[in-house]
Amino acid sequence: MDNQDVRILTLEPFRAASFYGFGTEPELQAMGKLQAWVEPRGYLDGPAHHRIFGFNNPNPSHGSPNYGYEFWITVGPDVEPQDDMRVVEFCGGLYAVARLLDPFAAPYERIPAGWQALVRWLEDSPYRHGSHQWLEEHLMHEQTPAGSWNMDLYLPIVELAGA
């Protein structure tokens, strides 16, 4: 991954509905909850209006097949927590962002490899790791074939002093 593959951007604060899964395939659990909540509300009818982010929570640990995954979908001020959906206020931050094309063709290879390349990029950059949330933005557009999403990886960064 070189500098042309990485964009530096500030992700503005936003409000999101949060859906959580835990187990050997927590992404599927959390996505099922998200879909059940958003579909009757029409939130996926215009995917550009409601961004979807996800992240491990907690990360996988050595020796256990279980880990957690949390999905966020951006919402307005009128949405209130209900059942097992909670609302989070995300503070935003500075990010190094890299795009993965069709990561779900081989998710257990492409997504970790994308993160590893982004972290290697960071080592030679004028930035260091930030303490805000790592994110994976799930990108779907009207012309995207069903089941074929792209993904932007958001690595939290801060500028090195004097850089």
Protein backbone atom coordinates (compact mmCIF):
# COMPACT_ATOMS: atom_id res chain seq x y z
CA MET A 1 0.00 0.00 0.00
CA ASP A 2 1.49 3.34 -0.96
CA ASN A 3 0.52 6.96 -0.31
CA GLN A 4 -1.76 6.98 -3.37
CA ASP A 5 -3.83 4.16 -1.87
CA VAL A 6 -4.37 5.95 1.46
CA ARG A 7 -6.55 9.00 2.00
CA ILE A 8 -6.27 11.17 5.10
CA LEU A 9 -9.60 12.52 6.25
CA THR A 10 -11.46 13.81 9.24
CA LEU A 11 -14.57 11.86 10.08
CA GLU A 12 -17.05 14.31 11.54
CA PRO A 13 -19.01 13.44 14.71
CA PHE A 14 -22.23 11.52 14.17
CA ARG A 15 -25.03 9.74 15.99
CA ALA A 16 -25.59 6.03 15.33
CA ALA A 17 -27.83 3.11 16.17
CA SER A 18 -25.64 0.26 17.43
CA PHE A 19 -26.17 -3.50 16.97
CA TYR A 20 -23.95 -6.10 18.63
CA GLY A 21 -23.11 -9.76 18.09
CA PHE A 22 -20.80 -12.15 19.93
CA GLY A 23 -19.66 -15.65 19.02
CA THR A 24 -17.89 -17.40 16.16
CA GLU A 25 -19.63 -15.27 13.48
CA PRO A 26 -20.64 -12.09 15.29
CA GLU A 27 -20.73 -10.02 12.09
CA LEU A 28 -23.68 -12.10 10.86
CA GLN A 29 -25.49 -11.78 14.20
CA ALA A 30 -25.02 -8.02 14.37
CA MET A 31 -25.91 -7.53 10.69
CA GLY A 32 -29.10 -9.57 11.16
CA LYS A 33 -30.14 -7.29 14.01
CA LEU A 34 -29.27 -4.18 12.00
CA GLN A 35 -31.22 -5.38 8.95
CA ALA A 36 -34.26 -6.31 11.03
CA TRP A 37 -34.28 -2.80 12.50
CA VAL A 38 -33.50 -0.75 9.35
CA GLU A 39 -35.57 -2.52 6.69
CA PRO A 40 -39.03 -1.52 8.00
CA ARG A 41 -37.73 2.05 8.36
CA GLY A 42 -36.42 2.19 4.77
CA TYR A 43 -32.90 3.14 5.88
CA LEU A 44 -31.28 1.05 3.16
CA ASP A 45 -33.45 2.50 0.37
CA GLY A 46 -30.93 5.32 -0.03
CA PRO A 47 -27.64 3.91 1.28
CA ALA A 48 -25.83 7.23 0.87
CA HIS A 49 -28.08 8.75 3.56
CA HIS A 50 -27.26 6.25 6.31
CA ARG A 51 -23.64 5.21 6.56
CA ILE A 52 -22.82 1.79 8.04
CA PHE A 53 -19.69 1.23 10.11
CA GLY A 54 -18.49 -1.83 11.99
CA PHE A 55 -15.64 -2.97 14.21
CA ASN A 56 -14.52 -5.87 16.41
CA ASN A 57 -15.68 -5.50 20.01
CA PRO A 58 -13.82 -7.25 21.58
CA ASN A 59 -11.10 -8.37 19.19
CA PRO A 60 -10.50 -12.09 18.68
CA SER A 61 -8.21 -13.55 21.33
CA HIS A 62 -5.75 -16.41 20.95
CA GLY A 63 -7.30 -19.74 21.87
CA SER A 64 -10.96 -18.71 21.55
CA PRO A 65 -13.15 -18.83 18.45
CA ASN A 66 -15.43 -16.18 19.96
CA TYR A 67 -15.23 -12.42 19.56
CA GLY A 68 -17.62 -9.54 19.19
CA TYR A 69 -18.63 -7.28 16.33
CA GLU A 70 -20.61 -4.07 16.48
CA PHE A 71 -22.40 -2.33 13.61
CA TRP A 72 -23.33 1.34 13.61
CA ILE A 73 -25.74 3.00 11.20
CA THR A 74 -25.95 6.78 11.22
CA VAL A 75 -29.27 8.14 12.48
CA GLY A 76 -30.88 11.47 13.27
CA PRO A 77 -31.73 13.01 16.63
CA ASP A 78 -35.22 11.49 16.65
CA VAL A 79 -34.00 7.88 17.08
CA GLU A 80 -34.15 6.53 20.63
CA PRO A 81 -32.66 3.29 22.04
CA GLN A 82 -35.00 0.28 22.02
CA ASP A 83 -34.73 -3.42 22.83
CA ASP A 84 -31.06 -4.39 22.28
CA MET A 85 -30.34 -1.42 19.98
CA ARG A 86 -28.49 1.38 21.67
CA VAL A 87 -27.62 4.85 20.41
CA VAL A 88 -24.02 6.07 20.40
CA GLU A 89 -22.59 9.55 19.93
CA PHE A 90 -19.36 9.20 17.98
CA CYS A 91 -16.86 12.07 18.42
CA GLY A 92 -15.15 11.67 15.04
CA GLY A 93 -11.44 12.04 14.42
CA LEU A 94 -8.55 11.96 11.97
CA TYR A 95 -8.13 8.77 9.91
CA ALA A 96 -5.97 7.08 7.32
CA VAL A 97 -8.47 5.41 5.00
CA ALA A 98 -7.93 2.60 2.47
CA ARG A 99 -10.55 1.05 0.19
CA LEU A 100 -11.02 -2.70 -0.20
CA LEU A 101 -12.86 -3.78 -3.34
CA ASP A 102 -15.23 -6.73 -2.84
CA PRO A 103 -13.64 -7.83 0.46
CA PHE A 104 -16.38 -10.40 1.06
CA ALA A 105 -15.19 -12.57 -1.84
CA ALA A 106 -12.59 -13.84 0.69
CA PRO A 107 -13.27 -11.89 3.92
CA TYR A 108 -10.93 -13.83 6.23
CA GLU A 109 -8.04 -13.08 3.86
CA ARG A 110 -8.79 -9.69 2.28
CA ILE A 111 -9.92 -7.76 5.34
CA PRO A 112 -6.98 -8.74 7.63
CA ALA A 113 -4.54 -8.19 4.74
CA GLY A 114 -6.01 -4.72 4.18
CA TRP A 115 -5.59 -3.82 7.84
CA GLN A 116 -2.02 -5.17 7.88
CA ALA A 117 -1.10 -3.11 4.81
CA LEU A 118 -2.62 0.02 6.35
CA VAL A 119 -0.68 -0.48 9.60
CA ARG A 120 2.56 -1.00 7.60
CA TRP A 121 1.79 2.24 5.73
CA LEU A 122 1.44 4.03 9.07
CA GLU A 123 4.95 2.98 10.16
CA ASP A 124 6.56 5.13 7.43
CA SER A 125 4.07 7.99 7.56
CA PRO A 126 4.16 11.32 9.42
CA TYR A 127 1.40 10.00 11.72
CA ARG A 128 1.06 7.70 14.68
CA HIS A 129 -1.85 5.62 15.99
CA GLY A 130 -4.72 7.58 17.42
CA SER A 131 -6.77 6.42 20.38
CA HIS A 132 -10.20 6.80 18.76
CA GLN A 133 -12.22 3.91 17.31
CA TRP A 134 -10.93 1.82 14.36
CA LEU A 135 -13.77 1.46 11.84
CA GLU A 136 -14.79 -0.46 8.75
CA GLU A 137 -17.27 1.41 6.59
CA HIS A 138 -19.49 -0.92 4.61
CA LEU A 139 -20.15 0.76 1.27
CA MET A 140 -23.21 -0.11 -0.75
CA HIS A 141 -24.62 1.93 -3.58
CA GLU A 142 -27.72 1.49 -5.72
CA GLN A 143 -25.63 -0.08 -8.52
CA THR A 144 -23.74 -2.48 -6.19
CA PRO A 145 -24.72 -6.11 -6.82
CA ALA A 146 -26.46 -7.80 -3.86
CA GLY A 147 -23.92 -9.29 -1.43
CA SER A 148 -21.01 -7.41 -3.04
CA TRP A 149 -20.10 -4.48 -0.83
CA ASN A 150 -16.87 -2.53 -0.81
CA MET A 151 -15.25 -1.46 2.43
CA ASP A 152 -13.21 1.50 3.63
CA LEU A 153 -10.83 0.78 6.50
CA TYR A 154 -10.48 3.72 8.92
CA LEU A 155 -7.24 3.63 10.93
CA PRO A 156 -7.27 6.28 13.69
CA ILE A 157 -4.26 8.58 13.46
CA VAL A 158 -2.74 11.72 14.94
CA GLU A 159 -0.03 13.87 13.40
CA LEU A 160 3.45 13.54 14.86
CA ALA A 161 4.58 16.68 16.66
CA GLY A 162 6.69 18.83 14.36
CA ALA A 163 5.71 16.88 11.22
